[in-house]
Amino acid sequence: MKTISTNKSHGGIQGVYSHASTACNCDMTFAVFVPPQAAEKPCPVLWYLSGLTCTHANVMDKGEYREAAAKHGVIIVCPDTSPRGDNVPDDKDSWQFGSGAGFYVDATQEPWRKNYRMYSYITLELPRLIDENFNADMSRQSIFGHSMGGHGALTIALKNPDRFKSCSAFAPITQPSTADWSSGAMARYLGEDKDGWRTYDACNLIEDGAVFSPILVDQGTADNFLEEGTRPQLLEDACKGKNIDLTLRMQDGYDHSYFFISSFMGEHIDWHAKHLKN
């Protein structure tokens, strides 16, 4: 692991790091905020997964999470959203596929399968790196994200219910297999057989028996992607009658941007911190 930068903030350290990823077969960059409490004891870990076109830097620069993380003594890990590099295949004509659009899946199709293995990267490789290099209590982890990253957080929590204490999302893509801005990516990464998509679709996972609680979702009512992209009502419908504690909050007048995310970031971290105490 290489250190790219470190800055003191709210008594803790905001760092940016890179490493050679085995899962993605390229160098990967990620950000970690370590609260001041980590100087004395291991701290719980909260994973933040970003959305389409983002890198680790978007939430680091605009998410306003450090004050709340320092207050509660929580490590915040912000991975990149895809593999990158000259030798990594890409589609420069699409912002919904390729670089910045890994969708947190393990691709099965050529030429993407060699590098686009973000599910394995987030669930296996990067946690080992965090455990080895930071004073992290890996027995206490939670996960959240925005948009494509909200999709990633939901599916990863549903597939790993014993690993995470809580899951939340800002305007998640709740059913990427049918959303206009994600179904094309699912086909290119995973093939045309839609049965293979179900394991990366929160609504489908719940329909197939996956259970995770608790889940908190915030969705802005002025989000341009509300009707065709995020569709929180599909997640709400999928959870009905299931043993899933879902809190869906429709936030009046908020859009899809970091103005929205930063407005409720502190509340999400406060909520996760309560669940991370045990």
C-alpha atoms as a PDB file:
ATOM      1  CA  MET A   1       0.000   0.000   0.000  1.00  0.00           C
ATOM      2  CA  LYS A   2       1.264   3.464  -0.927  1.00  0.00           C
ATOM      3  CA  THR A   3       0.297   6.680   0.806  1.00  0.00           C
ATOM      4  CA  ILE A   4      -0.714   9.401  -1.645  1.00  0.00           C
ATOM      5  CA  SER A   5      -1.702  12.066   0.879  1.00  0.00           C
ATOM      6  CA  THR A   6      -2.685  12.598   4.515  1.00  0.00           C
ATOM      7  CA  ASN A   7      -4.376  15.581   6.123  1.00  0.00           C
ATOM      8  CA  LYS A   8      -5.427  16.152   9.724  1.00  0.00           C
ATOM      9  CA  SER A   9      -9.146  16.805  10.102  1.00  0.00           C
ATOM     10  CA  HIS A  10     -11.375  16.896  13.197  1.00  0.00           C
ATOM     11  CA  GLY A  11      -8.518  15.387  15.197  1.00  0.00           C
ATOM     12  CA  GLY A  12      -8.225  12.415  12.852  1.00  0.00           C
ATOM     13  CA  ILE A  13      -6.427  11.710   9.592  1.00  0.00           C
ATOM     14  CA  GLN A  14      -7.927  11.806   6.116  1.00  0.00           C
ATOM     15  CA  GLY A  15      -5.706   9.704   3.905  1.00  0.00           C
ATOM     16  CA  VAL A  16      -5.639   8.657   0.263  1.00  0.00           C
ATOM     17  CA  TYR A  17      -3.871   5.419  -0.639  1.00  0.00           C
ATOM     18  CA  SER A  18      -3.177   3.151  -3.601  1.00  0.00           C
ATOM     19  CA  HIS A  19      -2.202  -0.473  -4.055  1.00  0.00           C
ATOM     20  CA  ALA A  20      -1.826  -3.118  -6.724  1.00  0.00           C
ATOM     21  CA  SER A  21      -5.139  -4.963  -6.742  1.00  0.00           C
ATOM     22  CA  THR A  22      -5.222  -8.673  -7.437  1.00  0.00           C
ATOM     23  CA  ALA A  23      -8.998  -8.662  -7.823  1.00  0.00           C
ATOM     24  CA  CYS A  24      -9.047  -5.874 -10.410  1.00  0.00           C
ATOM     25  CA  ASN A  25      -5.634  -6.506 -11.992  1.00  0.00           C
ATOM     26  CA  CYS A  26      -4.645  -2.839 -11.807  1.00  0.00           C
ATOM     27  CA  ASP A  27      -3.673  -0.157  -9.319  1.00  0.00           C
ATOM     28  CA  MET A  28      -6.613   0.969  -7.194  1.00  0.00           C
ATOM     29  CA  THR A  29      -6.997   4.154  -5.159  1.00  0.00           C
ATOM     30  CA  PHE A  30      -9.126   4.575  -2.041  1.00  0.00           C
ATOM     31  CA  ALA A  31      -9.640   7.044   0.810  1.00  0.00           C
ATOM     32  CA  VAL A  32      -9.771   6.324   4.546  1.00  0.00           C
ATOM     33  CA  PHE A  33     -10.668   8.661   7.399  1.00  0.00           C
ATOM     34  CA  VAL A  34      -9.244   7.458  10.691  1.00  0.00           C
ATOM     35  CA  PRO A  35     -10.816   9.152  13.736  1.00  0.00           C
ATOM     36  CA  PRO A  36      -8.704  10.280  16.704  1.00  0.00           C
ATOM     37  CA  GLN A  37     -10.007   7.392  18.851  1.00  0.00           C
ATOM     38  CA  ALA A  38      -8.036   4.936  16.683  1.00  0.00           C
ATOM     39  CA  ALA A  39      -4.838   6.116  18.366  1.00  0.00           C
ATOM     40  CA  GLU A  40      -6.001   4.298  21.500  1.00  0.00           C
ATOM     41  CA  LYS A  41      -8.281   1.457  20.394  1.00  0.00           C
ATOM     42  CA  PRO A  42      -9.604  -0.358  17.306  1.00  0.00           C
ATOM     43  CA  CYS A  43     -12.518   1.466  15.721  1.00  0.00           C
ATOM     44  CA  PRO A  44     -15.512   0.162  13.762  1.00  0.00           C
ATOM     45  CA  VAL A  45     -15.551   0.511   9.976  1.00  0.00           C
ATOM     46  CA  LEU A  46     -18.201   2.174   7.816  1.00  0.00           C
ATOM     47  CA  TRP A  47     -17.904   1.576   4.067  1.00  0.00           C
ATOM     48  CA  TYR A  48     -19.142   4.251   1.661  1.00  0.00           C
ATOM     49  CA  LEU A  49     -19.724   3.230  -1.968  1.00  0.00           C
ATOM     50  CA  SER A  50     -19.956   6.054  -4.501  1.00  0.00           C
ATOM     51  CA  GLY A  51     -22.114   6.422  -7.591  1.00  0.00           C
ATOM     52  CA  LEU A  52     -21.703   6.632 -11.339  1.00  0.00           C
ATOM     53  CA  THR A  53     -18.807   8.778 -12.664  1.00  0.00           C
ATOM     54  CA  CYS A  54     -17.376   9.198  -9.158  1.00  0.00           C
ATOM     55  CA  THR A  55     -14.002   8.317  -7.673  1.00  0.00           C
ATOM     56  CA  HIS A  56     -13.011   8.119  -4.004  1.00  0.00           C
ATOM     57  CA  ALA A  57     -12.639  11.904  -4.102  1.00  0.00           C
ATOM     58  CA  ASN A  58     -16.264  12.967  -4.595  1.00  0.00           C
ATOM     59  CA  VAL A  59     -17.497  11.999  -1.161  1.00  0.00           C
ATOM     60  CA  MET A  60     -14.148  12.857   0.415  1.00  0.00           C
ATOM     61  CA  ASP A  61     -14.375  16.417  -0.903  1.00  0.00           C
ATOM     62  CA  LYS A  62     -18.142  17.000  -0.725  1.00  0.00           C
ATOM     63  CA  GLY A  63     -19.663  14.416   1.602  1.00  0.00           C
ATOM     64  CA  GLU A  64     -18.958  16.209   4.905  1.00  0.00           C
ATOM     65  CA  TYR A  65     -18.611  12.991   6.904  1.00  0.00           C
ATOM     66  CA  ARG A  66     -15.513  13.652   9.023  1.00  0.00           C
ATOM     67  CA  GLU A  67     -17.069  15.609  11.888  1.00  0.00           C
ATOM     68  CA  ALA A  68     -19.648  12.908  12.617  1.00  0.00           C
ATOM     69  CA  ALA A  69     -17.119  10.108  12.112  1.00  0.00           C
ATOM     70  CA  ALA A  70     -14.712  11.754  14.549  1.00  0.00           C
ATOM     71  CA  LYS A  71     -17.486  12.277  17.104  1.00  0.00           C
ATOM     72  CA  HIS A  72     -18.444   8.609  17.049  1.00  0.00           C
ATOM     73  CA  GLY A  73     -14.967   7.126  16.507  1.00  0.00           C
ATOM     74  CA  VAL A  74     -15.804   5.476  13.188  1.00  0.00           C
ATOM     75  CA  ILE A  75     -13.364   4.708  10.357  1.00  0.00           C
ATOM     76  CA  ILE A  76     -14.804   5.673   6.956  1.00  0.00           C
ATOM     77  CA  VAL A  77     -13.529   3.776   3.894  1.00  0.00           C
ATOM     78  CA  CYS A  78     -14.257   5.247   0.447  1.00  0.00           C
ATOM     79  CA  PRO A  79     -13.205   2.969  -2.434  1.00  0.00           C
ATOM     80  CA  ASP A  80     -13.107   3.889  -6.102  1.00  0.00           C
ATOM     81  CA  THR A  81     -16.061   2.887  -8.281  1.00  0.00           C
ATOM     82  CA  SER A  82     -14.217   0.844 -10.918  1.00  0.00           C
ATOM     83  CA  PRO A  83     -10.823  -0.366 -12.083  1.00  0.00           C
ATOM     84  CA  ARG A  84      -8.847   2.196 -14.063  1.00  0.00           C
ATOM     85  CA  GLY A  85      -5.714   2.337 -16.193  1.00  0.00           C
ATOM     86  CA  ASP A  86      -4.307   2.207 -19.694  1.00  0.00           C
ATOM     87  CA  ASN A  87      -4.644  -1.574 -19.797  1.00  0.00           C
ATOM     88  CA  VAL A  88      -8.200  -1.651 -18.418  1.00  0.00           C
ATOM     89  CA  PRO A  89     -10.962  -1.892 -21.064  1.00  0.00           C
ATOM     90  CA  ASP A  90     -13.391   1.022 -21.102  1.00  0.00           C
ATOM     91  CA  ASP A  91     -16.263   2.568 -23.028  1.00  0.00           C
ATOM     92  CA  LYS A  92     -15.490   6.251 -23.344  1.00  0.00           C
ATOM     93  CA  ASP A  93     -18.837   6.911 -25.037  1.00  0.00           C
ATOM     94  CA  SER A  94     -20.881   5.907 -21.988  1.00  0.00           C
ATOM     95  CA  TRP A  95     -20.945   7.372 -18.468  1.00  0.00           C
ATOM     96  CA  GLN A  96     -23.046   4.391 -17.386  1.00  0.00           C
ATOM     97  CA  PHE A  97     -20.506   1.712 -18.196  1.00  0.00           C
ATOM     98  CA  GLY A  98     -16.775   1.113 -17.851  1.00  0.00           C
ATOM     99  CA  SER A  99     -14.566   3.565 -15.994  1.00  0.00           C
ATOM    100  CA  GLY A 100     -16.453   5.034 -13.044  1.00  0.00           C
ATOM    101  CA  ALA A 101     -19.291   2.540 -13.494  1.00  0.00           C
ATOM    102  CA  GLY A 102     -18.252  -0.822 -12.067  1.00  0.00           C
ATOM    103  CA  PHE A 103     -21.685  -1.436 -10.479  1.00  0.00           C
ATOM    104  CA  TYR A 104     -20.026  -3.493  -7.716  1.00  0.00           C
ATOM    105  CA  VAL A 105     -20.373  -6.746  -9.676  1.00  0.00           C
ATOM    106  CA  ASP A 106     -17.895  -9.415 -10.721  1.00  0.00           C
ATOM    107  CA  ALA A 107     -18.097  -9.351 -14.507  1.00  0.00           C
ATOM    108  CA  THR A 108     -18.382 -12.685 -16.294  1.00  0.00           C
ATOM    109  CA  GLN A 109     -18.117 -11.426 -19.891  1.00  0.00           C
ATOM    110  CA  GLU A 110     -15.106 -10.584 -22.038  1.00  0.00           C
ATOM    111  CA  PRO A 111     -13.219  -8.299 -22.061  1.00  0.00           C
ATOM    112  CA  TRP A 112     -14.520  -7.008 -18.717  1.00  0.00           C
ATOM    113  CA  ARG A 113     -14.090 -10.100 -16.539  1.00  0.00           C
ATOM    114  CA  LYS A 114     -10.335  -9.657 -16.029  1.00  0.00           C
ATOM    115  CA  ASN A 115     -10.623  -6.263 -14.332  1.00  0.00           C
ATOM    116  CA  TYR A 116     -14.219  -5.480 -13.420  1.00  0.00           C
ATOM    117  CA  ARG A 117     -14.439  -7.523 -10.243  1.00  0.00           C
ATOM    118  CA  MET A 118     -15.616  -4.823  -7.853  1.00  0.00           C
ATOM    119  CA  TYR A 119     -17.729  -7.169  -5.737  1.00  0.00           C
ATOM    120  CA  SER A 120     -14.688  -9.277  -4.849  1.00  0.00           C
ATOM    121  CA  TYR A 121     -12.602  -6.155  -4.411  1.00  0.00           C
ATOM    122  CA  ILE A 122     -15.016  -4.583  -1.910  1.00  0.00           C
ATOM    123  CA  THR A 123     -15.921  -7.754  -0.009  1.00  0.00           C
ATOM    124  CA  LEU A 124     -12.595  -9.624   0.035  1.00  0.00           C
ATOM    125  CA  GLU A 125      -9.464  -7.777  -1.013  1.00  0.00           C
ATOM    126  CA  LEU A 126      -9.914  -4.267   0.366  1.00  0.00           C
ATOM    127  CA  PRO A 127     -11.173  -5.442   3.801  1.00  0.00           C
ATOM    128  CA  ARG A 128      -7.958  -7.433   4.214  1.00  0.00           C
ATOM    129  CA  LEU A 129      -5.940  -4.340   3.389  1.00  0.00           C
ATOM    130  CA  ILE A 130      -7.898  -2.231   5.879  1.00  0.00           C
ATOM    131  CA  ASP A 131      -7.465  -4.885   8.569  1.00  0.00           C
ATOM    132  CA  GLU A 132      -3.713  -5.067   8.007  1.00  0.00           C
ATOM    133  CA  ASN A 133      -2.960  -1.351   7.816  1.00  0.00           C
ATOM    134  CA  PHE A 134      -5.407   0.467  10.092  1.00  0.00           C
ATOM    135  CA  ASN A 135      -6.525   0.099  13.709  1.00  0.00           C
ATOM    136  CA  ALA A 136      -9.875  -1.293  12.613  1.00  0.00           C
ATOM    137  CA  ASP A 137     -12.298  -3.508  14.497  1.00  0.00           C
ATOM    138  CA  MET A 138     -13.447  -5.690  11.598  1.00  0.00           C
ATOM    139  CA  SER A 139     -16.014  -7.408  13.812  1.00  0.00           C
ATOM    140  CA  ARG A 140     -18.008  -4.162  13.642  1.00  0.00           C
ATOM    141  CA  GLN A 141     -18.719  -3.083  10.066  1.00  0.00           C
ATOM    142  CA  SER A 142     -21.562  -1.259   8.356  1.00  0.00           C
ATOM    143  CA  ILE A 143     -22.067  -0.083   4.787  1.00  0.00           C
ATOM    144  CA  PHE A 144     -23.771   2.749   2.900  1.00  0.00           C
ATOM    145  CA  GLY A 145     -23.634   4.418  -0.479  1.00  0.00           C
ATOM    146  CA  HIS A 146     -25.179   6.694  -3.083  1.00  0.00           C
ATOM    147  CA  SER A 147     -27.049   5.808  -6.283  1.00  0.00           C
ATOM    148  CA  MET A 148     -24.986   3.054  -7.961  1.00  0.00           C
ATOM    149  CA  GLY A 149     -23.166   2.832  -4.630  1.00  0.00           C
ATOM    150  CA  GLY A 150     -26.476   2.556  -2.810  1.00  0.00           C
ATOM    151  CA  HIS A 151     -27.245  -0.398  -5.073  1.00  0.00           C
ATOM    152  CA  GLY A 152     -23.852  -1.829  -4.162  1.00  0.00           C
ATOM    153  CA  ALA A 153     -24.372  -1.311  -0.434  1.00  0.00           C
ATOM    154  CA  LEU A 154     -27.800  -2.961  -0.480  1.00  0.00           C
ATOM    155  CA  THR A 155     -26.722  -6.003  -2.477  1.00  0.00           C
ATOM    156  CA  ILE A 156     -23.493  -6.498  -0.525  1.00  0.00           C
ATOM    157  CA  ALA A 157     -25.356  -6.292   2.797  1.00  0.00           C
ATOM    158  CA  LEU A 158     -28.068  -8.668   1.609  1.00  0.00           C
ATOM    159  CA  LYS A 159     -25.437 -11.178   0.465  1.00  0.00           C
ATOM    160  CA  ASN A 160     -23.318 -10.807   3.619  1.00  0.00           C
ATOM    161  CA  PRO A 161     -25.826 -10.301   6.451  1.00  0.00           C
ATOM    162  CA  ASP A 162     -23.497 -11.615   9.149  1.00  0.00           C
ATOM    163  CA  ARG A 163     -20.722  -9.157   8.281  1.00  0.00           C
ATOM    164  CA  PHE A 164     -22.559  -5.842   8.581  1.00  0.00           C
ATOM    165  CA  LYS A 165     -24.429  -4.291  11.484  1.00  0.00           C
ATOM    166  CA  SER A 166     -26.485  -1.867   9.357  1.00  0.00           C
ATOM    167  CA  CYS A 167     -26.959  -0.632   5.794  1.00  0.00           C
ATOM    168  CA  SER A 168     -28.146   2.712   4.444  1.00  0.00           C
ATOM    169  CA  ALA A 169     -28.348   4.432   1.089  1.00  0.00           C
ATOM    170  CA  PHE A 170     -28.908   7.777  -0.549  1.00  0.00           C
ATOM    171  CA  ALA A 171     -31.127   7.432  -3.634  1.00  0.00           C
ATOM    172  CA  PRO A 172     -30.067   3.857  -4.439  1.00  0.00           C
ATOM    173  CA  ILE A 173     -30.772   2.116  -7.735  1.00  0.00           C
ATOM    174  CA  THR A 174     -33.103  -0.390  -6.117  1.00  0.00           C
ATOM    175  CA  GLN A 175     -33.694  -2.666  -9.119  1.00  0.00           C
ATOM    176  CA  PRO A 176     -30.779  -2.242 -11.552  1.00  0.00           C
ATOM    177  CA  SER A 177     -31.900  -5.162 -13.729  1.00  0.00           C
ATOM    178  CA  THR A 178     -34.867  -3.121 -14.980  1.00  0.00           C
ATOM    179  CA  ALA A 179     -33.699   0.502 -14.608  1.00  0.00           C
ATOM    180  CA  ASP A 180     -32.909   2.278 -17.881  1.00  0.00           C
ATOM    181  CA  TRP A 181     -29.517   3.538 -16.756  1.00  0.00           C
ATOM    182  CA  SER A 182     -28.228   0.232 -15.373  1.00  0.00           C
ATOM    183  CA  SER A 183     -29.779  -2.716 -17.260  1.00  0.00           C
ATOM    184  CA  GLY A 184     -27.416  -2.186 -20.208  1.00  0.00           C
ATOM    185  CA  ALA A 185     -24.409  -2.412 -17.917  1.00  0.00           C
ATOM    186  CA  MET A 186     -25.745  -5.564 -16.301  1.00  0.00           C
ATOM    187  CA  ALA A 187     -26.034  -7.197 -19.729  1.00  0.00           C
ATOM    188  CA  ARG A 188     -22.527  -6.220 -20.781  1.00  0.00           C
ATOM    189  CA  TYR A 189     -20.886  -7.259 -17.512  1.00  0.00           C
ATOM    190  CA  LEU A 190     -22.950 -10.373 -16.763  1.00  0.00           C
ATOM    191  CA  GLY A 191     -24.327 -11.603 -20.099  1.00  0.00           C
ATOM    192  CA  GLU A 192     -27.796 -11.701 -21.593  1.00  0.00           C
ATOM    193  CA  ASP A 193     -29.179 -14.375 -19.242  1.00  0.00           C
ATOM    194  CA  LYS A 194     -31.060 -12.251 -16.712  1.00  0.00           C
ATOM    195  CA  ASP A 195     -31.102 -15.040 -14.145  1.00  0.00           C
ATOM    196  CA  GLY A 196     -27.438 -14.224 -13.606  1.00  0.00           C
ATOM    197  CA  TRP A 197     -28.307 -10.639 -12.750  1.00  0.00           C
ATOM    198  CA  ARG A 198     -30.498 -11.481  -9.771  1.00  0.00           C
ATOM    199  CA  THR A 199     -27.636 -11.834  -7.319  1.00  0.00           C
ATOM    200  CA  TYR A 200     -26.697  -8.184  -7.964  1.00  0.00           C
ATOM    201  CA  ASP A 201     -30.223  -6.770  -7.704  1.00  0.00           C
ATOM    202  CA  ALA A 202     -31.550  -5.813  -4.260  1.00  0.00           C
ATOM    203  CA  CYS A 203     -35.226  -6.394  -5.079  1.00  0.00           C
ATOM    204  CA  ASN A 204     -34.487  -9.731  -6.739  1.00  0.00           C
ATOM    205  CA  LEU A 205     -32.288 -10.842  -3.833  1.00  0.00           C
ATOM    206  CA  ILE A 206     -35.109 -10.129  -1.388  1.00  0.00           C
ATOM    207  CA  GLU A 207     -37.602 -11.947  -3.622  1.00  0.00           C
ATOM    208  CA  ASP A 208     -35.221 -14.914  -3.625  1.00  0.00           C
ATOM    209  CA  GLY A 209     -35.065 -14.999   0.180  1.00  0.00           C
ATOM    210  CA  ALA A 210     -32.184 -12.725   1.187  1.00  0.00           C
ATOM    211  CA  VAL A 211     -32.766 -10.847   4.440  1.00  0.00           C
ATOM    212  CA  PHE A 212     -30.922  -7.948   6.058  1.00  0.00           C
ATOM    213  CA  SER A 213     -31.888  -5.485   8.784  1.00  0.00           C
ATOM    214  CA  PRO A 214     -31.901  -2.637   9.485  1.00  0.00           C
ATOM    215  CA  ILE A 215     -31.924  -0.592   6.264  1.00  0.00           C
ATOM    216  CA  LEU A 216     -32.287   3.199   6.037  1.00  0.00           C
ATOM    217  CA  VAL A 217     -32.946   4.873   2.663  1.00  0.00           C
ATOM    218  CA  ASP A 218     -33.178   8.591   1.965  1.00  0.00           C
ATOM    219  CA  GLN A 219     -34.587   9.691  -1.406  1.00  0.00           C
ATOM    220  CA  GLY A 220     -35.058  13.242  -2.660  1.00  0.00           C
ATOM    221  CA  THR A 221     -38.427  14.065  -4.210  1.00  0.00           C
ATOM    222  CA  ALA A 222     -36.781  16.412  -6.758  1.00  0.00           C
ATOM    223  CA  ASP A 223     -34.367  13.719  -7.983  1.00  0.00           C
ATOM    224  CA  ASN A 224     -34.356  13.646 -11.806  1.00  0.00           C
ATOM    225  CA  PHE A 225     -33.735   9.893 -11.667  1.00  0.00           C
ATOM    226  CA  LEU A 226     -36.565   9.085  -9.243  1.00  0.00           C
ATOM    227  CA  GLU A 227     -39.090   7.675 -11.703  1.00  0.00           C
ATOM    228  CA  GLU A 228     -36.844   5.692 -14.051  1.00  0.00           C
ATOM    229  CA  GLY A 229     -33.661   5.089 -12.088  1.00  0.00           C
ATOM    230  CA  THR A 230     -33.914   4.850  -8.302  1.00  0.00           C
ATOM    231  CA  ARG A 231     -37.609   3.854  -7.818  1.00  0.00           C
ATOM    232  CA  PRO A 232     -37.563   3.385  -4.021  1.00  0.00           C
ATOM    233  CA  GLN A 233     -41.132   2.095  -4.049  1.00  0.00           C
ATOM    234  CA  LEU A 234     -39.847  -1.138  -5.627  1.00  0.00           C
ATOM    235  CA  LEU A 235     -37.601  -1.760  -2.633  1.00  0.00           C
ATOM    236  CA  GLU A 236     -40.434  -0.885  -0.271  1.00  0.00           C
ATOM    237  CA  ASP A 237     -42.729  -3.346  -2.047  1.00  0.00           C
ATOM    238  CA  ALA A 238     -40.073  -6.079  -2.038  1.00  0.00           C
ATOM    239  CA  CYS A 239     -39.601  -5.735   1.731  1.00  0.00           C
ATOM    240  CA  LYS A 240     -43.302  -6.000   2.589  1.00  0.00           C
ATOM    241  CA  GLY A 241     -44.047  -9.187   4.464  1.00  0.00           C
ATOM    242  CA  LYS A 242     -40.347  -9.955   4.850  1.00  0.00           C
ATOM    243  CA  ASN A 243     -38.325  -9.869   8.060  1.00  0.00           C
ATOM    244  CA  ILE A 244     -36.604  -6.661   6.953  1.00  0.00           C
ATOM    245  CA  ASP A 245     -36.638  -3.436   8.947  1.00  0.00           C
ATOM    246  CA  LEU A 246     -36.696  -0.786   6.189  1.00  0.00           C
ATOM    247  CA  THR A 247     -37.017   2.928   6.885  1.00  0.00           C
ATOM    248  CA  LEU A 248     -37.684   4.893   3.689  1.00  0.00           C
ATOM    249  CA  ARG A 249     -37.625   8.679   4.026  1.00  0.00           C
ATOM    250  CA  MET A 250     -38.743  10.839   1.107  1.00  0.00           C
ATOM    251  CA  GLN A 251     -36.918  14.147   1.489  1.00  0.00           C
ATOM    252  CA  ASP A 252     -38.924  17.016   0.026  1.00  0.00           C
ATOM    253  CA  GLY A 253     -37.201  19.136  -2.620  1.00  0.00           C
ATOM    254  CA  TYR A 254     -33.824  17.386  -2.598  1.00  0.00           C
ATOM    255  CA  ASP A 255     -32.144  16.241  -5.811  1.00  0.00           C
ATOM    256  CA  HIS A 256     -29.561  13.553  -6.621  1.00  0.00           C
ATOM    257  CA  SER A 257     -26.442  15.594  -5.855  1.00  0.00           C
ATOM    258  CA  TYR A 258     -24.012  15.928  -2.960  1.00  0.00           C
ATOM    259  CA  PHE A 259     -26.061  18.886  -1.740  1.00  0.00           C
ATOM    260  CA  PHE A 260     -28.589  16.187  -0.843  1.00  0.00           C
ATOM    261  CA  ILE A 261     -26.083  13.644   0.447  1.00  0.00           C
ATOM    262  CA  SER A 262     -24.194  16.094   2.661  1.00  0.00           C
ATOM    263  CA  SER A 263     -27.479  17.333   4.148  1.00  0.00           C
ATOM    264  CA  PHE A 264     -28.215  13.911   5.654  1.00  0.00           C
ATOM    265  CA  MET A 265     -24.709  12.444   5.969  1.00  0.00           C
ATOM    266  CA  GLY A 266     -24.480  13.263   9.666  1.00  0.00           C
ATOM    267  CA  GLU A 267     -27.810  11.563  10.383  1.00  0.00           C
ATOM    268  CA  HIS A 268     -26.711   8.427   8.552  1.00  0.00           C
ATOM    269  CA  ILE A 269     -23.442   8.223  10.467  1.00  0.00           C
ATOM    270  CA  ASP A 270     -25.258   8.834  13.770  1.00  0.00           C
ATOM    271  CA  TRP A 271     -27.634   5.987  12.856  1.00  0.00           C
ATOM    272  CA  HIS A 272     -24.841   3.600  11.887  1.00  0.00           C
ATOM    273  CA  ALA A 273     -22.862   4.475  15.024  1.00  0.00           C
ATOM    274  CA  LYS A 274     -25.717   3.243  17.211  1.00  0.00           C
ATOM    275  CA  HIS A 275     -25.641  -0.127  15.485  1.00  0.00           C
ATOM    276  CA  LEU A 276     -21.847  -0.313  15.515  1.00  0.00           C
ATOM    277  CA  LYS A 277     -21.638  -0.063  19.290  1.00  0.00           C
ATOM    278  CA  ASN A 278     -22.205  -3.793  19.702  1.00  0.00           C
END
